[in-house]
Amino acid sequence: MDQIDKRNRLNDEPFRFRQNKNNTVFLDYNGKQVKILKGKDAEKFLKKMNDVEDEKSRQLIMAKITGNFKRGNERL
């Protein structure tokens, strides 16, 4: 795990997820929505999140699912 998060950015817990009653999952990065999961993708995500015990692993799962959405040219 230490080789994956070399700059320790996941320690700040930038990712959050919300689930509505239709089992749609909304993934947020620093309070902004970046991805929506529905159907089987949402079920697989929720199962992974329930199987993991520590928060850093959950952050890593959410980071991998959101993919490469940051390019360095985002406005603050």
PDB file of N, CA and C in Angstrom:
ATOM      1  N   MET A   1       0.824  -1.189   0.000  1.00  0.00           N
ATOM      2  CA  MET A   1       0.000   0.000   0.000  1.00  0.00           C
ATOM      3  C   MET A   1       0.866   1.250   0.000  1.00  0.00           C
ATOM      4  N   ASP A   2       2.020   1.201   0.645  1.00  0.00           N
ATOM      5  CA  ASP A   2       2.868   2.381   0.728  1.00  0.00           C
ATOM      6  C   ASP A   2       3.401   2.795  -0.636  1.00  0.00           C
ATOM      7  N   GLN A   3       3.613   1.846  -1.534  1.00  0.00           N
ATOM      8  CA  GLN A   3       4.115   2.176  -2.863  1.00  0.00           C
ATOM      9  C   GLN A   3       3.032   2.806  -3.739  1.00  0.00           C
ATOM     10  N   ILE A   4       1.775   2.578  -3.424  1.00  0.00           N
ATOM     11  CA  ILE A   4       0.687   3.111  -4.237  1.00  0.00           C
ATOM     12  C   ILE A   4       0.451   4.581  -3.926  1.00  0.00           C
ATOM     13  N   ASP A   5       0.413   4.930  -2.661  1.00  0.00           N
ATOM     14  CA  ASP A   5       0.124   6.304  -2.236  1.00  0.00           C
ATOM     15  C   ASP A   5       1.396   6.935  -1.678  1.00  0.00           C
ATOM     16  N   LYS A   6       2.342   7.217  -2.561  1.00  0.00           N
ATOM     17  CA  LYS A   6       3.647   7.718  -2.130  1.00  0.00           C
ATOM     18  C   LYS A   6       3.575   9.107  -1.515  1.00  0.00           C
ATOM     19  N   ARG A   7       2.637   9.936  -1.964  1.00  0.00           N
ATOM     20  CA  ARG A   7       2.529  11.302  -1.449  1.00  0.00           C
ATOM     21  C   ARG A   7       1.513  11.411  -0.311  1.00  0.00           C
ATOM     22  N   ASN A   8       0.985  10.298   0.138  1.00  0.00           N
ATOM     23  CA  ASN A   8       0.046  10.235   1.269  1.00  0.00           C
ATOM     24  C   ASN A   8      -1.174  11.128   1.088  1.00  0.00           C
ATOM     25  N   ARG A   9      -1.685  11.207  -0.113  1.00  0.00           N
ATOM     26  CA  ARG A   9      -2.871  12.021  -0.356  1.00  0.00           C
ATOM     27  C   ARG A   9      -4.153  11.350   0.133  1.00  0.00           C
ATOM     28  N   LEU A  10      -4.149  10.039   0.226  1.00  0.00           N
ATOM     29  CA  LEU A  10      -5.349   9.339   0.688  1.00  0.00           C
ATOM     30  C   LEU A  10      -5.530   9.452   2.196  1.00  0.00           C
ATOM     31  N   ASN A  11      -4.494   9.878   2.900  1.00  0.00           N
ATOM     32  CA  ASN A  11      -4.630  10.082   4.348  1.00  0.00           C
ATOM     33  C   ASN A  11      -5.588  11.225   4.668  1.00  0.00           C
ATOM     34  N   ASP A  12      -5.745  12.170   3.745  1.00  0.00           N
ATOM     35  CA  ASP A  12      -6.662  13.294   3.942  1.00  0.00           C
ATOM     36  C   ASP A  12      -8.116  12.905   3.693  1.00  0.00           C
ATOM     37  N   GLU A  13      -8.344  11.688   3.209  1.00  0.00           N
ATOM     38  CA  GLU A  13      -9.672  11.154   2.891  1.00  0.00           C
ATOM     39  C   GLU A  13     -10.450  12.084   1.961  1.00  0.00           C
ATOM     40  N   PRO A  14      -9.950  12.284   0.726  1.00  0.00           N
ATOM     41  CA  PRO A  14     -10.632  13.192  -0.196  1.00  0.00           C
ATOM     42  C   PRO A  14     -11.895  12.600  -0.827  1.00  0.00           C
ATOM     43  N   PHE A  15     -12.023  11.275  -0.809  1.00  0.00           N
ATOM     44  CA  PHE A  15     -13.154  10.618  -1.457  1.00  0.00           C
ATOM     45  C   PHE A  15     -14.258  10.302  -0.459  1.00  0.00           C
ATOM     46  N   ARG A  16     -15.488  10.446  -0.910  1.00  0.00           N
ATOM     47  CA  ARG A  16     -16.679  10.073  -0.150  1.00  0.00           C
ATOM     48  C   ARG A  16     -17.659   9.440  -1.132  1.00  0.00           C
ATOM     49  N   PHE A  17     -18.572   8.644  -0.601  1.00  0.00           N
ATOM     50  CA  PHE A  17     -19.621   8.136  -1.466  1.00  0.00           C
ATOM     51  C   PHE A  17     -20.961   8.236  -0.758  1.00  0.00           C
ATOM     52  N   ARG A  18     -21.995   8.388  -1.578  1.00  0.00           N
ATOM     53  CA  ARG A  18     -23.368   8.455  -1.092  1.00  0.00           C
ATOM     54  C   ARG A  18     -24.170   7.420  -1.847  1.00  0.00           C
ATOM     55  N   GLN A  19     -25.149   6.831  -1.178  1.00  0.00           N
ATOM     56  CA  GLN A  19     -26.004   5.839  -1.803  1.00  0.00           C
ATOM     57  C   GLN A  19     -27.453   6.267  -1.609  1.00  0.00           C
ATOM     58  N   ASN A  20     -28.235   6.251  -2.688  1.00  0.00           N
ATOM     59  CA  ASN A  20     -29.637   6.595  -2.530  1.00  0.00           C
ATOM     60  C   ASN A  20     -30.479   5.321  -2.443  1.00  0.00           C
ATOM     61  N   LYS A  21     -31.788   5.457  -2.332  1.00  0.00           N
ATOM     62  CA  LYS A  21     -32.642   4.292  -2.118  1.00  0.00           C
ATOM     63  C   LYS A  21     -32.750   3.396  -3.348  1.00  0.00           C
ATOM     64  N   ASN A  22     -32.364   3.892  -4.513  1.00  0.00           N
ATOM     65  CA  ASN A  22     -32.365   3.077  -5.731  1.00  0.00           C
ATOM     66  C   ASN A  22     -31.039   2.353  -5.931  1.00  0.00           C
ATOM     67  N   ASN A  23     -30.177   2.361  -4.915  1.00  0.00           N
ATOM     68  CA  ASN A  23     -28.837   1.765  -4.957  1.00  0.00           C
ATOM     69  C   ASN A  23     -27.942   2.407  -6.015  1.00  0.00           C
ATOM     70  N   THR A  24     -28.169   3.661  -6.293  1.00  0.00           N
ATOM     71  CA  THR A  24     -27.252   4.429  -7.124  1.00  0.00           C
ATOM     72  C   THR A  24     -26.203   5.022  -6.194  1.00  0.00           C
ATOM     73  N   VAL A  25     -24.935   4.914  -6.601  1.00  0.00           N
ATOM     74  CA  VAL A  25     -23.829   5.389  -5.774  1.00  0.00           C
ATOM     75  C   VAL A  25     -23.208   6.610  -6.435  1.00  0.00           C
ATOM     76  N   PHE A  26     -23.034   7.665  -5.653  1.00  0.00           N
ATOM     77  CA  PHE A  26     -22.411   8.898  -6.118  1.00  0.00           C
ATOM     78  C   PHE A  26     -21.049   9.018  -5.438  1.00  0.00           C
ATOM     79  N   LEU A  27     -19.991   9.118  -6.233  1.00  0.00           N
ATOM     80  CA  LEU A  27     -18.640   9.263  -5.700  1.00  0.00           C
ATOM     81  C   LEU A  27     -18.236  10.732  -5.769  1.00  0.00           C
ATOM     82  N   ASP A  28     -17.751  11.244  -4.639  1.00  0.00           N
ATOM     83  CA  ASP A  28     -17.330  12.643  -4.539  1.00  0.00           C
ATOM     84  C   ASP A  28     -15.839  12.717  -4.258  1.00  0.00           C
ATOM     85  N   TYR A  29     -15.216  13.748  -4.820  1.00  0.00           N
ATOM     86  CA  TYR A  29     -13.818  14.049  -4.542  1.00  0.00           C
ATOM     87  C   TYR A  29     -13.764  15.482  -4.046  1.00  0.00           C
ATOM     88  N   ASN A  30     -13.354  15.671  -2.802  1.00  0.00           N
ATOM     89  CA  ASN A  30     -13.312  16.987  -2.155  1.00  0.00           C
ATOM     90  C   ASN A  30     -14.648  17.716  -2.266  1.00  0.00           C
ATOM     91  N   GLY A  31     -15.722  16.973  -2.074  1.00  0.00           N
ATOM     92  CA  GLY A  31     -17.050  17.573  -2.061  1.00  0.00           C
ATOM     93  C   GLY A  31     -17.692  17.765  -3.412  1.00  0.00           C
ATOM     94  N   LYS A  32     -17.023  17.386  -4.490  1.00  0.00           N
ATOM     95  CA  LYS A  32     -17.592  17.531  -5.832  1.00  0.00           C
ATOM     96  C   LYS A  32     -17.814  16.152  -6.438  1.00  0.00           C
ATOM     97  N   GLN A  33     -18.980  15.974  -7.018  1.00  0.00           N
ATOM     98  CA  GLN A  33     -19.328  14.683  -7.612  1.00  0.00           C
ATOM     99  C   GLN A  33     -18.500  14.428  -8.858  1.00  0.00           C
ATOM    100  N   VAL A  34     -17.866  13.237  -8.924  1.00  0.00           N
ATOM    101  CA  VAL A  34     -17.026  12.921 -10.075  1.00  0.00           C
ATOM    102  C   VAL A  34     -17.479  11.673 -10.812  1.00  0.00           C
ATOM    103  N   LYS A  35     -18.315  10.833 -10.192  1.00  0.00           N
ATOM    104  CA  LYS A  35     -18.727   9.605 -10.854  1.00  0.00           C
ATOM    105  C   LYS A  35     -20.032   9.110 -10.262  1.00  0.00           C
ATOM    106  N   ILE A  36     -20.845   8.450 -11.104  1.00  0.00           N
ATOM    107  CA  ILE A  36     -22.094   7.824 -10.673  1.00  0.00           C
ATOM    108  C   ILE A  36     -22.038   6.358 -11.069  1.00  0.00           C
ATOM    109  N   LEU A  37     -22.363   5.483 -10.136  1.00  0.00           N
ATOM    110  CA  LEU A  37     -22.419   4.044 -10.401  1.00  0.00           C
ATOM    111  C   LEU A  37     -23.852   3.564 -10.248  1.00  0.00           C
ATOM    112  N   LYS A  38     -24.305   2.760 -11.207  1.00  0.00           N
ATOM    113  CA  LYS A  38     -25.663   2.229 -11.167  1.00  0.00           C
ATOM    114  C   LYS A  38     -25.621   0.729 -11.432  1.00  0.00           C
ATOM    115  N   GLY A  39     -26.660   0.048 -11.020  1.00  0.00           N
ATOM    116  CA  GLY A  39     -26.832  -1.361 -11.349  1.00  0.00           C
ATOM    117  C   GLY A  39     -25.756  -2.252 -10.759  1.00  0.00           C
ATOM    118  N   LYS A  40     -25.230  -3.127 -11.610  1.00  0.00           N
ATOM    119  CA  LYS A  40     -24.232  -4.109 -11.155  1.00  0.00           C
ATOM    120  C   LYS A  40     -22.929  -3.453 -10.724  1.00  0.00           C
ATOM    121  N   ASP A  41     -22.572  -2.355 -11.368  1.00  0.00           N
ATOM    122  CA  ASP A  41     -21.351  -1.650 -10.963  1.00  0.00           C
ATOM    123  C   ASP A  41     -21.482  -1.132  -9.532  1.00  0.00           C
ATOM    124  N   ALA A  42     -22.658  -0.607  -9.206  1.00  0.00           N
ATOM    125  CA  ALA A  42     -22.890  -0.100  -7.850  1.00  0.00           C
ATOM    126  C   ALA A  42     -22.892  -1.247  -6.844  1.00  0.00           C
ATOM    127  N   GLU A  43     -23.477  -2.379  -7.204  1.00  0.00           N
ATOM    128  CA  GLU A  43     -23.499  -3.541  -6.306  1.00  0.00           C
ATOM    129  C   GLU A  43     -22.089  -4.048  -6.028  1.00  0.00           C
ATOM    130  N   LYS A  44     -21.262  -4.150  -7.078  1.00  0.00           N
ATOM    131  CA  LYS A  44     -19.881  -4.605  -6.898  1.00  0.00           C
ATOM    132  C   LYS A  44     -19.109  -3.636  -6.011  1.00  0.00           C
ATOM    133  N   PHE A  45     -19.310  -2.342  -6.232  1.00  0.00           N
ATOM    134  CA  PHE A  45     -18.630  -1.324  -5.431  1.00  0.00           C
ATOM    135  C   PHE A  45     -19.023  -1.447  -3.960  1.00  0.00           C
ATOM    136  N   LEU A  46     -20.308  -1.560  -3.680  1.00  0.00           N
ATOM    137  CA  LEU A  46     -20.779  -1.648  -2.293  1.00  0.00           C
ATOM    138  C   LEU A  46     -20.273  -2.914  -1.617  1.00  0.00           C
ATOM    139  N   LYS A  47     -20.183  -4.007  -2.361  1.00  0.00           N
ATOM    140  CA  LYS A  47     -19.647  -5.245  -1.791  1.00  0.00           C
ATOM    141  C   LYS A  47     -18.174  -5.073  -1.434  1.00  0.00           C
ATOM    142  N   LYS A  48     -17.404  -4.450  -2.320  1.00  0.00           N
ATOM    143  CA  LYS A  48     -15.987  -4.198  -2.030  1.00  0.00           C
ATOM    144  C   LYS A  48     -15.831  -3.313  -0.797  1.00  0.00           C
ATOM    145  N   MET A  49     -16.664  -2.286  -0.704  1.00  0.00           N
ATOM    146  CA  MET A  49     -16.557  -1.364   0.431  1.00  0.00           C
ATOM    147  C   MET A  49     -16.924  -2.054   1.743  1.00  0.00           C
ATOM    148  N   ASN A  50     -17.863  -2.989   1.715  1.00  0.00           N
ATOM    149  CA  ASN A  50     -18.242  -3.710   2.930  1.00  0.00           C
ATOM    150  C   ASN A  50     -17.193  -4.729   3.336  1.00  0.00           C
ATOM    151  N   ASP A  51     -16.448  -5.272   2.364  1.00  0.00           N
ATOM    152  CA  ASP A  51     -15.432  -6.283   2.657  1.00  0.00           C
ATOM    153  C   ASP A  51     -14.164  -5.688   3.258  1.00  0.00           C
ATOM    154  N   VAL A  52     -13.886  -4.417   2.986  1.00  0.00           N
ATOM    155  CA  VAL A  52     -12.662  -3.760   3.451  1.00  0.00           C
ATOM    156  C   VAL A  52     -12.883  -3.175   4.840  1.00  0.00           C
ATOM    157  N   GLU A  53     -11.853  -3.266   5.679  1.00  0.00           N
ATOM    158  CA  GLU A  53     -11.983  -2.812   7.058  1.00  0.00           C
ATOM    159  C   GLU A  53     -11.432  -1.415   7.321  1.00  0.00           C
ATOM    160  N   ASP A  54     -10.295  -1.061   6.719  1.00  0.00           N
ATOM    161  CA  ASP A  54      -9.685   0.235   7.047  1.00  0.00           C
ATOM    162  C   ASP A  54     -10.037   1.303   6.013  1.00  0.00           C
ATOM    163  N   GLU A  55      -9.997   2.544   6.450  1.00  0.00           N
ATOM    164  CA  GLU A  55     -10.424   3.667   5.621  1.00  0.00           C
ATOM    165  C   GLU A  55      -9.472   3.932   4.457  1.00  0.00           C
ATOM    166  N   LYS A  56      -8.189   3.689   4.639  1.00  0.00           N
ATOM    167  CA  LYS A  56      -7.239   3.940   3.550  1.00  0.00           C
ATOM    168  C   LYS A  56      -7.491   3.003   2.373  1.00  0.00           C
ATOM    169  N   SER A  57      -7.867   1.763   2.655  1.00  0.00           N
ATOM    170  CA  SER A  57      -8.205   0.830   1.580  1.00  0.00           C
ATOM    171  C   SER A  57      -9.475   1.263   0.864  1.00  0.00           C
ATOM    172  N   ARG A  58     -10.430   1.801   1.611  1.00  0.00           N
ATOM    173  CA  ARG A  58     -11.654   2.314   0.985  1.00  0.00           C
ATOM    174  C   ARG A  58     -11.340   3.498   0.089  1.00  0.00           C
ATOM    175  N   GLN A  59     -10.447   4.373   0.546  1.00  0.00           N
ATOM    176  CA  GLN A  59     -10.042   5.515  -0.270  1.00  0.00           C
ATOM    177  C   GLN A  59      -9.382   5.047  -1.562  1.00  0.00           C
ATOM    178  N   LEU A  60      -8.571   3.998  -1.464  1.00  0.00           N
ATOM    179  CA  LEU A  60      -7.888   3.465  -2.641  1.00  0.00           C
ATOM    180  C   LEU A  60      -8.883   2.872  -3.630  1.00  0.00           C
ATOM    181  N   ILE A  61      -9.882   2.166  -3.134  1.00  0.00           N
ATOM    182  CA  ILE A  61     -10.916   1.602  -4.012  1.00  0.00           C
ATOM    183  C   ILE A  61     -11.643   2.717  -4.751  1.00  0.00           C
ATOM    184  N   MET A  62     -12.017   3.761  -4.036  1.00  0.00           N
ATOM    185  CA  MET A  62     -12.726   4.873  -4.678  1.00  0.00           C
ATOM    186  C   MET A  62     -11.829   5.597  -5.677  1.00  0.00           C
ATOM    187  N   ALA A  63     -10.542   5.726  -5.363  1.00  0.00           N
ATOM    188  CA  ALA A  63      -9.608   6.377  -6.288  1.00  0.00           C
ATOM    189  C   ALA A  63      -9.479   5.575  -7.578  1.00  0.00           C
ATOM    190  N   LYS A  64      -9.416   4.258  -7.456  1.00  0.00           N
ATOM    191  CA  LYS A  64      -9.288   3.414  -8.643  1.00  0.00           C
ATOM    192  C   LYS A  64     -10.548   3.441  -9.490  1.00  0.00           C
ATOM    193  N   ILE A  65     -11.711   3.468  -8.851  1.00  0.00           N
ATOM    194  CA  ILE A  65     -12.966   3.462  -9.600  1.00  0.00           C
ATOM    195  C   ILE A  65     -13.177   4.790 -10.329  1.00  0.00           C
ATOM    196  N   THR A  66     -12.808   5.887  -9.704  1.00  0.00           N
ATOM    197  CA  THR A  66     -12.997   7.176 -10.369  1.00  0.00           C
ATOM    198  C   THR A  66     -12.050   7.326 -11.545  1.00  0.00           C
ATOM    199  N   GLY A  67     -10.930   6.639 -11.520  1.00  0.00           N
ATOM    200  CA  GLY A  67     -10.012   6.660 -12.652  1.00  0.00           C
ATOM    201  C   GLY A  67      -9.180   7.918 -12.709  1.00  0.00           C
ATOM    202  N   ASN A  68      -8.675   8.196 -13.871  1.00  0.00           N
ATOM    203  CA  ASN A  68      -7.766   9.320 -14.087  1.00  0.00           C
ATOM    204  C   ASN A  68      -8.574  10.534 -14.531  1.00  0.00           C
ATOM    205  N   PHE A  69      -9.241  11.183 -13.582  1.00  0.00           N
ATOM    206  CA  PHE A  69     -10.062  12.327 -13.947  1.00  0.00           C
ATOM    207  C   PHE A  69      -9.345  13.643 -13.714  1.00  0.00           C
ATOM    208  N   LYS A  70      -8.254  13.675 -12.955  1.00  0.00           N
ATOM    209  CA  LYS A  70      -7.526  14.916 -12.690  1.00  0.00           C
ATOM    210  C   LYS A  70      -6.374  15.044 -13.679  1.00  0.00           C
ATOM    211  N   ARG A  71      -6.295  16.173 -14.306  1.00  0.00           N
ATOM    212  CA  ARG A  71      -5.245  16.418 -15.298  1.00  0.00           C
ATOM    213  C   ARG A  71      -4.270  17.503 -14.874  1.00  0.00           C
ATOM    214  N   GLY A  72      -4.568  18.213 -13.808  1.00  0.00           N
ATOM    215  CA  GLY A  72      -3.678  19.265 -13.364  1.00  0.00           C
ATOM    216  C   GLY A  72      -4.065  20.643 -13.842  1.00  0.00           C
ATOM    217  N   ASN A  73      -5.109  20.729 -14.675  1.00  0.00           N
ATOM    218  CA  ASN A  73      -5.501  22.034 -15.181  1.00  0.00           C
ATOM    219  C   ASN A  73      -6.876  22.447 -14.659  1.00  0.00           C
ATOM    220  N   GLU A  74      -7.308  21.872 -13.546  1.00  0.00           N
ATOM    221  CA  GLU A  74      -8.602  22.211 -12.983  1.00  0.00           C
ATOM    222  C   GLU A  74      -8.537  23.573 -12.303  1.00  0.00           C
ATOM    223  N   ARG A  75      -9.626  24.277 -12.353  1.00  0.00           N
ATOM    224  CA  ARG A  75      -9.714  25.563 -11.651  1.00  0.00           C
ATOM    225  C   ARG A  75      -9.975  25.319 -10.186  1.00  0.00           C
ATOM    226  N   LEU A  76      -9.452  26.198  -9.358  1.00  0.00           N
ATOM    227  CA  LEU A  76      -9.660  26.053  -7.921  1.00  0.00           C
ATOM    228  C   LEU A  76     -10.945  26.676  -7.479  1.00  0.00           C
TER     229      LEU A  76
END
